Structure formats: C-alpha cells, structure tokens
Amino acid sequence: MSVFCTLHHVCAADDSIKNVLPVHGFADGWVMEDKVTFYSKDTLFDHINGEAELYFPYGFEALASATYIYKDDPQLAVVADVYRMGSLVDAFGIYSNYRKTDAAFVAIGAEGFISSSQLMFYQDMYFVKLQASGTTSLKQEIFLACGRAVLRNLPPGTGQPTELDVLKIPAVVPRSERYIAKSLLGYAFFHRGVIADAILEGKRIQVFMTYEDSKDAARRAFDQYRSYLKTEGRDIRSSHTPGRIYISGIDPLYGGVFVQQSGRYIIGAVRMKDTSHAKQLIEQIQKRLIGG
C-alpha cells in the first residue's frame, strides 16, 4: 500500500511526517483503512473544525491521519493523528492542553497518558493523539501497540523541554505545568510562557513565568499589566529592589496576585487570598533561571 495525499487536501507533508503512520497496521488483525491523509495549515479545519485555532499558536506545520480497523470486527477502529508542531516546547504545549493531573500516565514518548478511549503523548516536535472509534472503549494494549508503532517512526526523544525547568520547585503540583504560546493568563501583553498549579499554605494557587526577547520588552509588558491592574484591580502596591520591580494586589480575574519583573522575565503567582508568602515561591523560580 502506498502512502499518498488525497486530491482533496494539499500535500504539504515533507519526509519527516510522510511515513510516521505504519501503513501495514500496528498489530495482528489491525490494518489501515483506506490511506493516510495529510493536512496543512490551510486544510486542518477539515479534520478538526472548531479546534484548529488551538494548534496554530504552537507552530502547527502538518498532520498525518489514518484510521485502523480490526479485521474480525471492522466496526472497531483507532483514529491515529500525528501532528508536527513548531518545536519540542510547542509539542508539549499542545499536549498539555489535554493533560489532566489525575490522568493515568504511561511510559511512552517524552510523556503520555491513556484511558479506555484514547492515548496521547508527545515526542520531539510531534504530538500524537489516538482515539477509539465505533466504540466507547478499547483495551489499553491496543492503544499502546499503536502508539509504540508510531513512536518507532519518530525522531529519538530528548525528554521534556528545558522551559519547564524553572517550575521544578517543591510547591508545584506534578504534571500541572503548561506552556502557553499566546496570551498567558488571557492577557495579550503576556506573549508566551509557562504556568503551573502550586500549593501555598495548604491552598492551591498558580505560578507562572512569561519571557520576552529583551529586558525592555519585558518592562513594557510589566508596565501594561500594572496599568491594567491600576484601572481594573484594587489594593495595588508597587516596590522595587536593584534589578527587580514588584506588584501585588488584586487582579479582577485571578484574585490575589504577586508579580516581579527581572531582566527579560516576568514571574508571578495568582489566585491567592494572601500574597505575603508568594515572594518565597517567586524567589525559588528566579533562582532556577539560567542567566536570569
């Protein structure tokens, strides 16, 4: 069986994604139905209409998709989607949009989770989504067999993106980290960054770090946030030490907030009732910054 693009879609896939899906099936009895279909930025809507916009900020480049059916019962199927994103951190970013901290994690790729209806994982700049079709559940061994067959065709893994290293502090809830490629916290002036849940004084809050291309750009973003808080928030207080500026107060969307700008980074904590202990967490993140 040859792998080729349907006439309906633009064949924008290059060699790095053309052969990621095993054309002869992934396990005994499981065969590819029809052929692989490739999607580009222009045609992604045809496959995931209503959700395609989520992928574009993460540098989406191409998607290879195929359906595998079980020969003894063709109603049972696995839909396999392999997305090539802009980078390792982008692949993690789109993966982390689906991941939950209470998911059943499995050792596949850089990280993956599984349920009776799906398996998702990422590796290098690829995000893999496998979903059951024709039934609400399949044995996990089926998903794992398919996932491992795909994984063999992907570049060797380099682990998790280094951008997550700054969040490796004791208070952060494991596997709650996310990379947001556009408008962190929903604010346009925070262009991109990482965010995670954390436990502070027994309460769950969120910590984040956004990074800009320069110190001046970070200062502009910080000043925009401060102006926004002065207009929309309350109890806003500012202070500074050599090389750092701080804001604390009430964000109208996220409650108690404590934020600092240092170099090209803005580090903060939100959703707090008491901001007095937040500085300790911010300092821990600051220390993990290389050349921060």
C-alpha atoms as a PDB file:
ATOM      1  CA  MET A   1       0.000   0.000   0.000  1.00  0.00           C
ATOM      2  CA  SER A   2       1.417   3.400  -0.899  1.00  0.00           C
ATOM      3  CA  VAL A   3       1.052   6.475   1.223  1.00  0.00           C
ATOM      4  CA  PHE A   4      -0.206   9.478  -0.720  1.00  0.00           C
ATOM      5  CA  CYS A   5      -2.226  12.613  -0.263  1.00  0.00           C
ATOM      6  CA  THR A   6      -5.869  12.703  -1.192  1.00  0.00           C
ATOM      7  CA  LEU A   7      -6.731  15.058  -4.017  1.00  0.00           C
ATOM      8  CA  HIS A   8      -8.972  16.963  -1.641  1.00  0.00           C
ATOM      9  CA  HIS A   9      -6.089  18.083   0.534  1.00  0.00           C
ATOM     10  CA  VAL A  10      -2.909  19.936  -0.238  1.00  0.00           C
ATOM     11  CA  CYS A  11       0.057  17.602   0.088  1.00  0.00           C
ATOM     12  CA  ALA A  12       2.247  19.782   2.265  1.00  0.00           C
ATOM     13  CA  ALA A  13       3.844  16.974   4.249  1.00  0.00           C
ATOM     14  CA  ASP A  14       7.579  16.554   3.937  1.00  0.00           C
ATOM     15  CA  ASP A  15       9.641  13.432   4.562  1.00  0.00           C
ATOM     16  CA  SER A  16       9.565  13.937   8.338  1.00  0.00           C
ATOM     17  CA  ILE A  17       5.852  13.126   8.553  1.00  0.00           C
ATOM     18  CA  LYS A  18       5.111  11.101   5.428  1.00  0.00           C
ATOM     19  CA  ASN A  19       5.989   7.753   6.964  1.00  0.00           C
ATOM     20  CA  VAL A  20       5.136   8.121  10.645  1.00  0.00           C
ATOM     21  CA  LEU A  21       1.973   6.018  10.413  1.00  0.00           C
ATOM     22  CA  PRO A  22       2.562   2.279   9.823  1.00  0.00           C
ATOM     23  CA  VAL A  23       0.785   1.515   6.566  1.00  0.00           C
ATOM     24  CA  HIS A  24       0.609  -2.244   7.121  1.00  0.00           C
ATOM     25  CA  GLY A  25      -1.076  -1.987  10.520  1.00  0.00           C
ATOM     26  CA  PHE A  26       0.316  -1.935  14.021  1.00  0.00           C
ATOM     27  CA  ALA A  27      -0.656  -5.345  15.464  1.00  0.00           C
ATOM     28  CA  ASP A  28      -2.179  -8.666  14.445  1.00  0.00           C
ATOM     29  CA  GLY A  29      -5.616  -8.093  12.977  1.00  0.00           C
ATOM     30  CA  TRP A  30      -5.315  -4.305  12.822  1.00  0.00           C
ATOM     31  CA  VAL A  31      -4.997  -2.861   9.317  1.00  0.00           C
ATOM     32  CA  MET A  32      -5.110   0.627   7.859  1.00  0.00           C
ATOM     33  CA  GLU A  33      -8.437   1.543   6.322  1.00  0.00           C
ATOM     34  CA  ASP A  34      -8.034   3.324   3.010  1.00  0.00           C
ATOM     35  CA  LYS A  35      -4.916   5.539   3.187  1.00  0.00           C
ATOM     36  CA  VAL A  36      -3.082   8.235   5.115  1.00  0.00           C
ATOM     37  CA  THR A  37      -4.474  11.746   4.739  1.00  0.00           C
ATOM     38  CA  PHE A  38      -2.253  14.769   5.185  1.00  0.00           C
ATOM     39  CA  TYR A  39      -3.417  18.181   6.370  1.00  0.00           C
ATOM     40  CA  SER A  40      -1.671  21.523   6.114  1.00  0.00           C
ATOM     41  CA  LYS A  41      -2.382  24.846   7.817  1.00  0.00           C
ATOM     42  CA  ASP A  42      -4.925  25.570   5.101  1.00  0.00           C
ATOM     43  CA  THR A  43      -6.823  22.284   5.472  1.00  0.00           C
ATOM     44  CA  LEU A  44      -6.583  21.440   9.183  1.00  0.00           C
ATOM     45  CA  PHE A  45     -10.118  22.790   9.665  1.00  0.00           C
ATOM     46  CA  ASP A  46     -11.368  19.933   7.506  1.00  0.00           C
ATOM     47  CA  HIS A  47     -10.245  17.456  10.148  1.00  0.00           C
ATOM     48  CA  ILE A  48     -10.785  19.303  13.439  1.00  0.00           C
ATOM     49  CA  ASN A  49     -13.174  22.111  12.639  1.00  0.00           C
ATOM     50  CA  GLY A  50     -13.645  24.300  15.678  1.00  0.00           C
ATOM     51  CA  GLU A  51     -10.401  23.190  17.273  1.00  0.00           C
ATOM     52  CA  ALA A  52      -7.814  24.032  14.623  1.00  0.00           C
ATOM     53  CA  GLU A  53      -7.232  27.540  16.008  1.00  0.00           C
ATOM     54  CA  LEU A  54      -5.854  25.975  19.180  1.00  0.00           C
ATOM     55  CA  TYR A  55      -2.946  24.474  17.240  1.00  0.00           C
ATOM     56  CA  PHE A  56      -1.760  27.446  15.209  1.00  0.00           C
ATOM     57  CA  PRO A  57      -0.040  29.428  18.009  1.00  0.00           C
ATOM     58  CA  TYR A  58       2.055  26.315  18.679  1.00  0.00           C
ATOM     59  CA  GLY A  59       3.613  26.390  15.234  1.00  0.00           C
ATOM     60  CA  PHE A  60       1.459  23.703  13.633  1.00  0.00           C
ATOM     61  CA  GLU A  61       3.057  22.544  10.379  1.00  0.00           C
ATOM     62  CA  ALA A  62       1.385  19.315   9.236  1.00  0.00           C
ATOM     63  CA  LEU A  63      -0.879  16.461  10.311  1.00  0.00           C
ATOM     64  CA  ALA A  64      -0.846  12.827   9.180  1.00  0.00           C
ATOM     65  CA  SER A  65      -4.077  10.972   9.946  1.00  0.00           C
ATOM     66  CA  ALA A  66      -5.270   7.418   9.359  1.00  0.00           C
ATOM     67  CA  THR A  67      -7.886   5.008  10.655  1.00  0.00           C
ATOM     68  CA  TYR A  68      -7.032   1.436  11.635  1.00  0.00           C
ATOM     69  CA  ILE A  69      -9.777  -1.189  11.756  1.00  0.00           C
ATOM     70  CA  TYR A  70      -9.899  -4.628  13.350  1.00  0.00           C
ATOM     71  CA  LYS A  71     -10.386  -7.198  10.573  1.00  0.00           C
ATOM     72  CA  ASP A  72     -12.564  -9.509  12.705  1.00  0.00           C
ATOM     73  CA  ASP A  73     -14.852  -6.626  13.642  1.00  0.00           C
ATOM     74  CA  PRO A  74     -14.493  -3.649  11.261  1.00  0.00           C
ATOM     75  CA  GLN A  75     -16.727  -1.530  13.488  1.00  0.00           C
ATOM     76  CA  LEU A  76     -13.826  -1.288  15.940  1.00  0.00           C
ATOM     77  CA  ALA A  77     -11.327   1.358  14.905  1.00  0.00           C
ATOM     78  CA  VAL A  78      -8.479   3.552  16.110  1.00  0.00           C
ATOM     79  CA  VAL A  79      -8.106   7.012  14.611  1.00  0.00           C
ATOM     80  CA  ALA A  80      -4.412   7.953  14.674  1.00  0.00           C
ATOM     81  CA  ASP A  81      -3.367  11.591  14.321  1.00  0.00           C
ATOM     82  CA  VAL A  82       0.273  12.731  14.319  1.00  0.00           C
ATOM     83  CA  TYR A  83       0.805  16.491  14.444  1.00  0.00           C
ATOM     84  CA  ARG A  84       4.134  18.097  13.645  1.00  0.00           C
ATOM     85  CA  MET A  85       4.419  21.281  15.671  1.00  0.00           C
ATOM     86  CA  GLY A  86       6.954  24.106  15.610  1.00  0.00           C
ATOM     87  CA  SER A  87       9.317  22.771  18.278  1.00  0.00           C
ATOM     88  CA  LEU A  88       9.610  20.472  21.276  1.00  0.00           C
ATOM     89  CA  VAL A  89       8.076  23.044  23.624  1.00  0.00           C
ATOM     90  CA  ASP A  90       5.230  23.599  21.142  1.00  0.00           C
ATOM     91  CA  ALA A  91       4.513  19.853  21.009  1.00  0.00           C
ATOM     92  CA  PHE A  92       4.472  19.798  24.803  1.00  0.00           C
ATOM     93  CA  GLY A  93       2.277  22.893  24.832  1.00  0.00           C
ATOM     94  CA  ILE A  94      -0.478  21.371  22.733  1.00  0.00           C
ATOM     95  CA  TYR A  95      -0.194  18.078  24.640  1.00  0.00           C
ATOM     96  CA  SER A  96      -0.502  19.906  27.970  1.00  0.00           C
ATOM     97  CA  ASN A  97      -3.784  21.434  26.815  1.00  0.00           C
ATOM     98  CA  TYR A  98      -5.321  17.952  27.030  1.00  0.00           C
ATOM     99  CA  ARG A  99      -3.431  16.527  30.014  1.00  0.00           C
ATOM    100  CA  LYS A 100      -5.005  16.388  33.471  1.00  0.00           C
ATOM    101  CA  THR A 101      -3.034  15.942  36.686  1.00  0.00           C
ATOM    102  CA  ASP A 102      -5.132  12.906  37.639  1.00  0.00           C
ATOM    103  CA  ALA A 103      -4.704  11.146  34.279  1.00  0.00           C
ATOM    104  CA  ALA A 104      -3.272   7.626  34.004  1.00  0.00           C
ATOM    105  CA  PHE A 105       0.257   8.303  32.774  1.00  0.00           C
ATOM    106  CA  VAL A 106       2.196   5.759  30.720  1.00  0.00           C
ATOM    107  CA  ALA A 107       5.848   5.495  29.721  1.00  0.00           C
ATOM    108  CA  ILE A 108       5.673   6.394  26.057  1.00  0.00           C
ATOM    109  CA  GLY A 109       7.483   9.229  24.309  1.00  0.00           C
ATOM    110  CA  ALA A 110       8.507  12.168  26.480  1.00  0.00           C
ATOM    111  CA  GLU A 111       5.234  11.729  28.388  1.00  0.00           C
ATOM    112  CA  GLY A 112       1.838  10.213  27.691  1.00  0.00           C
ATOM    113  CA  PHE A 113      -1.494   9.443  29.285  1.00  0.00           C
ATOM    114  CA  ILE A 114      -4.097   6.816  28.493  1.00  0.00           C
ATOM    115  CA  SER A 115      -7.756   5.981  29.101  1.00  0.00           C
ATOM    116  CA  SER A 116     -10.241   3.476  27.725  1.00  0.00           C
ATOM    117  CA  SER A 117     -10.976   5.792  24.800  1.00  0.00           C
ATOM    118  CA  GLN A 118      -7.676   7.456  23.938  1.00  0.00           C
ATOM    119  CA  LEU A 119      -3.898   7.697  24.202  1.00  0.00           C
ATOM    120  CA  MET A 120      -1.961  10.941  23.828  1.00  0.00           C
ATOM    121  CA  PHE A 121       1.766  11.608  24.009  1.00  0.00           C
ATOM    122  CA  TYR A 122       4.449  13.842  22.590  1.00  0.00           C
ATOM    123  CA  GLN A 123       7.966  13.218  21.346  1.00  0.00           C
ATOM    124  CA  ASP A 124      10.400  15.719  19.880  1.00  0.00           C
ATOM    125  CA  MET A 125       8.244  18.169  17.877  1.00  0.00           C
ATOM    126  CA  TYR A 126       5.401  15.669  17.378  1.00  0.00           C
ATOM    127  CA  PHE A 127       2.100  15.337  19.216  1.00  0.00           C
ATOM    128  CA  VAL A 128       0.280  12.006  18.837  1.00  0.00           C
ATOM    129  CA  LYS A 129      -3.428  11.523  19.507  1.00  0.00           C
ATOM    130  CA  LEU A 130      -5.046   8.070  19.259  1.00  0.00           C
ATOM    131  CA  GLN A 131      -8.796   7.753  19.755  1.00  0.00           C
ATOM    132  CA  ALA A 132     -11.290   4.896  19.735  1.00  0.00           C
ATOM    133  CA  SER A 133     -13.937   4.918  17.008  1.00  0.00           C
ATOM    134  CA  GLY A 134     -17.043   2.759  16.689  1.00  0.00           C
ATOM    135  CA  THR A 135     -16.934   2.049  20.415  1.00  0.00           C
ATOM    136  CA  THR A 136     -16.559   3.975  23.656  1.00  0.00           C
ATOM    137  CA  SER A 137     -13.639   1.894  24.877  1.00  0.00           C
ATOM    138  CA  LEU A 138     -10.786  -0.316  23.740  1.00  0.00           C
ATOM    139  CA  LYS A 139      -8.198  -2.304  25.634  1.00  0.00           C
ATOM    140  CA  GLN A 140      -5.231  -0.195  26.606  1.00  0.00           C
ATOM    141  CA  GLU A 141      -2.895  -2.730  24.991  1.00  0.00           C
ATOM    142  CA  ILE A 142      -4.375  -1.768  21.610  1.00  0.00           C
ATOM    143  CA  PHE A 143      -3.610   1.915  22.078  1.00  0.00           C
ATOM    144  CA  LEU A 144      -0.136   1.143  23.367  1.00  0.00           C
ATOM    145  CA  ALA A 145       0.631  -1.152  20.417  1.00  0.00           C
ATOM    146  CA  CYS A 146      -0.431   1.566  18.002  1.00  0.00           C
ATOM    147  CA  GLY A 147       1.412   4.294  19.895  1.00  0.00           C
ATOM    148  CA  ARG A 148       4.642   2.301  20.029  1.00  0.00           C
ATOM    149  CA  ALA A 149       4.434   1.538  16.309  1.00  0.00           C
ATOM    150  CA  VAL A 150       4.152   5.272  15.615  1.00  0.00           C
ATOM    151  CA  LEU A 151       6.904   6.082  18.098  1.00  0.00           C
ATOM    152  CA  ARG A 152       9.374   3.892  16.229  1.00  0.00           C
ATOM    153  CA  ASN A 153       8.966   6.205  13.237  1.00  0.00           C
ATOM    154  CA  LEU A 154       9.554   9.432  15.167  1.00  0.00           C
ATOM    155  CA  PRO A 155      12.916  11.087  15.911  1.00  0.00           C
ATOM    156  CA  PRO A 156      14.623   9.965  19.137  1.00  0.00           C
ATOM    157  CA  GLY A 157      13.328  11.810  22.144  1.00  0.00           C
ATOM    158  CA  THR A 158      15.206  14.478  24.050  1.00  0.00           C
ATOM    159  CA  GLY A 159      12.894  14.449  27.050  1.00  0.00           C
ATOM    160  CA  GLN A 160      10.861  17.395  28.244  1.00  0.00           C
ATOM    161  CA  PRO A 161      11.500  20.971  27.094  1.00  0.00           C
ATOM    162  CA  THR A 162      14.016  22.918  29.147  1.00  0.00           C
ATOM    163  CA  GLU A 163      11.470  25.720  29.518  1.00  0.00           C
ATOM    164  CA  LEU A 164       9.823  23.620  32.249  1.00  0.00           C
ATOM    165  CA  ASP A 165      12.953  23.513  34.403  1.00  0.00           C
ATOM    166  CA  VAL A 166      12.118  26.814  36.099  1.00  0.00           C
ATOM    167  CA  LEU A 167       8.945  25.289  37.561  1.00  0.00           C
ATOM    168  CA  LYS A 168      10.742  22.419  39.289  1.00  0.00           C
ATOM    169  CA  ILE A 169      10.207  23.738  42.778  1.00  0.00           C
ATOM    170  CA  PRO A 170       8.705  21.775  45.696  1.00  0.00           C
ATOM    171  CA  ALA A 171       5.404  23.654  45.750  1.00  0.00           C
ATOM    172  CA  VAL A 172       4.476  22.940  42.110  1.00  0.00           C
ATOM    173  CA  VAL A 173       1.890  20.192  41.606  1.00  0.00           C
ATOM    174  CA  PRO A 174       3.487  17.459  39.448  1.00  0.00           C
ATOM    175  CA  ARG A 175       2.291  17.364  35.836  1.00  0.00           C
ATOM    176  CA  SER A 176       0.255  20.539  36.171  1.00  0.00           C
ATOM    177  CA  GLU A 177       2.733  22.521  34.055  1.00  0.00           C
ATOM    178  CA  ARG A 178       1.566  24.032  30.782  1.00  0.00           C
ATOM    179  CA  TYR A 179       3.246  26.031  28.056  1.00  0.00           C
ATOM    180  CA  ILE A 180       1.055  28.812  26.665  1.00  0.00           C
ATOM    181  CA  ALA A 181       2.238  30.075  23.281  1.00  0.00           C
ATOM    182  CA  LYS A 182      -0.008  33.118  23.140  1.00  0.00           C
ATOM    183  CA  SER A 183      -1.621  35.419  25.711  1.00  0.00           C
ATOM    184  CA  LEU A 184      -0.620  33.820  29.000  1.00  0.00           C
ATOM    185  CA  LEU A 185      -3.431  34.271  31.548  1.00  0.00           C
ATOM    186  CA  GLY A 186      -5.513  35.523  28.623  1.00  0.00           C
ATOM    187  CA  TYR A 187      -3.644  38.840  28.553  1.00  0.00           C
ATOM    188  CA  ALA A 188      -2.286  39.892  25.152  1.00  0.00           C
ATOM    189  CA  PHE A 189       0.694  41.704  26.702  1.00  0.00           C
ATOM    190  CA  PHE A 190       1.955  38.393  28.164  1.00  0.00           C
ATOM    191  CA  HIS A 191       3.024  36.850  24.881  1.00  0.00           C
ATOM    192  CA  ARG A 192       4.137  33.359  25.911  1.00  0.00           C
ATOM    193  CA  GLY A 193       5.248  31.460  28.983  1.00  0.00           C
ATOM    194  CA  VAL A 194       4.774  28.569  31.380  1.00  0.00           C
ATOM    195  CA  ILE A 195       2.222  28.149  34.156  1.00  0.00           C
ATOM    196  CA  ALA A 196       1.524  25.518  36.813  1.00  0.00           C
ATOM    197  CA  ASP A 197      -0.553  24.813  39.895  1.00  0.00           C
ATOM    198  CA  ALA A 198       1.219  25.114  43.222  1.00  0.00           C
ATOM    199  CA  ILE A 199       0.392  24.607  46.888  1.00  0.00           C
ATOM    200  CA  LEU A 200       0.971  27.607  49.147  1.00  0.00           C
ATOM    201  CA  GLU A 201      -0.028  27.497  52.818  1.00  0.00           C
ATOM    202  CA  GLY A 202      -2.219  24.476  52.035  1.00  0.00           C
ATOM    203  CA  LYS A 203      -4.081  26.322  49.252  1.00  0.00           C
ATOM    204  CA  ARG A 204      -3.862  25.710  45.506  1.00  0.00           C
ATOM    205  CA  ILE A 205      -2.659  28.716  43.538  1.00  0.00           C
ATOM    206  CA  GLN A 206      -0.931  29.203  40.174  1.00  0.00           C
ATOM    207  CA  VAL A 207       2.613  30.309  39.411  1.00  0.00           C
ATOM    208  CA  PHE A 208       3.767  31.478  36.013  1.00  0.00           C
ATOM    209  CA  MET A 209       6.692  32.865  34.088  1.00  0.00           C
ATOM    210  CA  THR A 210       6.480  34.796  30.853  1.00  0.00           C
ATOM    211  CA  TYR A 211       9.595  35.656  28.888  1.00  0.00           C
ATOM    212  CA  GLU A 212      10.245  38.279  26.280  1.00  0.00           C
ATOM    213  CA  ASP A 213      13.015  38.790  23.760  1.00  0.00           C
ATOM    214  CA  SER A 214      14.606  41.600  25.762  1.00  0.00           C
ATOM    215  CA  LYS A 215      14.589  43.366  29.115  1.00  0.00           C
ATOM    216  CA  ASP A 216      12.894  46.391  27.538  1.00  0.00           C
ATOM    217  CA  ALA A 217      10.121  44.214  26.083  1.00  0.00           C
ATOM    218  CA  ALA A 218       9.562  42.591  29.488  1.00  0.00           C
ATOM    219  CA  ARG A 219       9.382  46.009  31.125  1.00  0.00           C
ATOM    220  CA  ARG A 220       6.763  47.147  28.615  1.00  0.00           C
ATOM    221  CA  ALA A 221       4.648  44.059  29.306  1.00  0.00           C
ATOM    222  CA  PHE A 222       5.061  44.561  33.054  1.00  0.00           C
ATOM    223  CA  ASP A 223       4.036  48.220  32.797  1.00  0.00           C
ATOM    224  CA  GLN A 224       0.974  47.269  30.733  1.00  0.00           C
ATOM    225  CA  TYR A 225      -0.076  44.799  33.403  1.00  0.00           C
ATOM    226  CA  ARG A 226       0.484  47.347  36.144  1.00  0.00           C
ATOM    227  CA  SER A 227      -1.608  49.920  34.266  1.00  0.00           C
ATOM    228  CA  TYR A 228      -4.348  47.354  33.774  1.00  0.00           C
ATOM    229  CA  LEU A 229      -4.381  46.490  37.483  1.00  0.00           C
ATOM    230  CA  LYS A 230      -4.484  50.156  38.478  1.00  0.00           C
ATOM    231  CA  THR A 231      -7.515  50.604  36.241  1.00  0.00           C
ATOM    232  CA  GLU A 232      -9.350  47.342  36.884  1.00  0.00           C
ATOM    233  CA  GLY A 233      -7.906  45.934  40.103  1.00  0.00           C
ATOM    234  CA  ARG A 234      -7.632  47.166  43.666  1.00  0.00           C
ATOM    235  CA  ASP A 235      -5.164  47.418  46.545  1.00  0.00           C
ATOM    236  CA  ILE A 236      -2.294  47.728  44.055  1.00  0.00           C
ATOM    237  CA  ARG A 237       1.133  48.161  45.612  1.00  0.00           C
ATOM    238  CA  SER A 238       4.489  48.557  43.857  1.00  0.00           C
ATOM    239  CA  SER A 239       8.033  48.212  45.144  1.00  0.00           C
ATOM    240  CA  HIS A 240      11.483  47.578  43.765  1.00  0.00           C
ATOM    241  CA  THR A 241      14.945  46.328  44.620  1.00  0.00           C
ATOM    242  CA  PRO A 242      18.059  46.608  42.446  1.00  0.00           C
ATOM    243  CA  GLY A 243      17.228  44.943  39.132  1.00  0.00           C
ATOM    244  CA  ARG A 244      13.660  43.958  40.069  1.00  0.00           C
ATOM    245  CA  ILE A 245      10.217  45.550  40.227  1.00  0.00           C
ATOM    246  CA  TYR A 246       7.260  44.088  42.116  1.00  0.00           C
ATOM    247  CA  ILE A 247       3.484  44.447  42.038  1.00  0.00           C
ATOM    248  CA  SER A 248       0.990  42.996  44.477  1.00  0.00           C
ATOM    249  CA  GLY A 249      -2.741  43.435  44.723  1.00  0.00           C
ATOM    250  CA  ILE A 250      -5.998  42.066  43.347  1.00  0.00           C
ATOM    251  CA  ASP A 251      -6.414  41.007  39.737  1.00  0.00           C
ATOM    252  CA  PRO A 252     -10.111  41.200  38.743  1.00  0.00           C
ATOM    253  CA  LEU A 253      -9.895  37.800  37.027  1.00  0.00           C
ATOM    254  CA  TYR A 254      -7.449  35.913  39.241  1.00  0.00           C
ATOM    255  CA  GLY A 255      -7.732  37.341  42.730  1.00  0.00           C
ATOM    256  CA  GLY A 256      -4.596  37.942  44.760  1.00  0.00           C
ATOM    257  CA  VAL A 257      -1.506  38.480  42.594  1.00  0.00           C
ATOM    258  CA  PHE A 258       2.206  38.986  43.192  1.00  0.00           C
ATOM    259  CA  VAL A 259       4.411  39.673  40.150  1.00  0.00           C
ATOM    260  CA  GLN A 260       8.024  40.657  39.586  1.00  0.00           C
ATOM    261  CA  GLN A 261       9.961  41.719  36.502  1.00  0.00           C
ATOM    262  CA  SER A 262      13.648  40.874  36.334  1.00  0.00           C
ATOM    263  CA  GLY A 263      15.623  41.049  33.103  1.00  0.00           C
ATOM    264  CA  ARG A 264      13.531  39.661  30.250  1.00  0.00           C
ATOM    265  CA  TYR A 265      11.360  37.589  32.605  1.00  0.00           C
ATOM    266  CA  ILE A 266       8.112  38.275  34.437  1.00  0.00           C
ATOM    267  CA  ILE A 267       7.415  35.818  37.248  1.00  0.00           C
ATOM    268  CA  GLY A 268       4.207  35.769  39.211  1.00  0.00           C
ATOM    269  CA  ALA A 269       1.654  33.983  41.362  1.00  0.00           C
ATOM    270  CA  VAL A 270      -2.132  34.372  41.154  1.00  0.00           C
ATOM    271  CA  ARG A 271      -5.322  33.073  42.796  1.00  0.00           C
ATOM    272  CA  MET A 272      -4.111  33.837  46.312  1.00  0.00           C
ATOM    273  CA  LYS A 273      -6.059  35.133  49.265  1.00  0.00           C
ATOM    274  CA  ASP A 274      -2.851  36.307  50.938  1.00  0.00           C
ATOM    275  CA  THR A 275       0.077  37.494  48.807  1.00  0.00           C
ATOM    276  CA  SER A 276       2.509  37.826  51.704  1.00  0.00           C
ATOM    277  CA  HIS A 277       4.060  34.372  51.180  1.00  0.00           C
ATOM    278  CA  ALA A 278       4.225  34.477  47.387  1.00  0.00           C
ATOM    279  CA  LYS A 279       7.622  36.150  47.224  1.00  0.00           C
ATOM    280  CA  GLN A 280       9.283  32.966  48.503  1.00  0.00           C
ATOM    281  CA  LEU A 281       7.938  30.978  45.521  1.00  0.00           C
ATOM    282  CA  ILE A 282       8.945  33.709  43.091  1.00  0.00           C
ATOM    283  CA  GLU A 283      12.467  33.660  44.503  1.00  0.00           C
ATOM    284  CA  GLN A 284      12.694  29.890  44.024  1.00  0.00           C
ATOM    285  CA  ILE A 285      11.700  30.221  40.379  1.00  0.00           C
ATOM    286  CA  GLN A 286      14.112  33.124  39.911  1.00  0.00           C
ATOM    287  CA  LYS A 287      16.999  31.005  41.183  1.00  0.00           C
ATOM    288  CA  ARG A 288      16.256  28.338  38.596  1.00  0.00           C
ATOM    289  CA  LEU A 289      16.591  30.763  35.721  1.00  0.00           C
ATOM    290  CA  ILE A 290      19.849  30.354  33.850  1.00  0.00           C
ATOM    291  CA  GLY A 291      21.325  33.809  33.489  1.00  0.00           C
ATOM    292  CA  GLY A 292      18.111  35.202  34.911  1.00  0.00           C
END
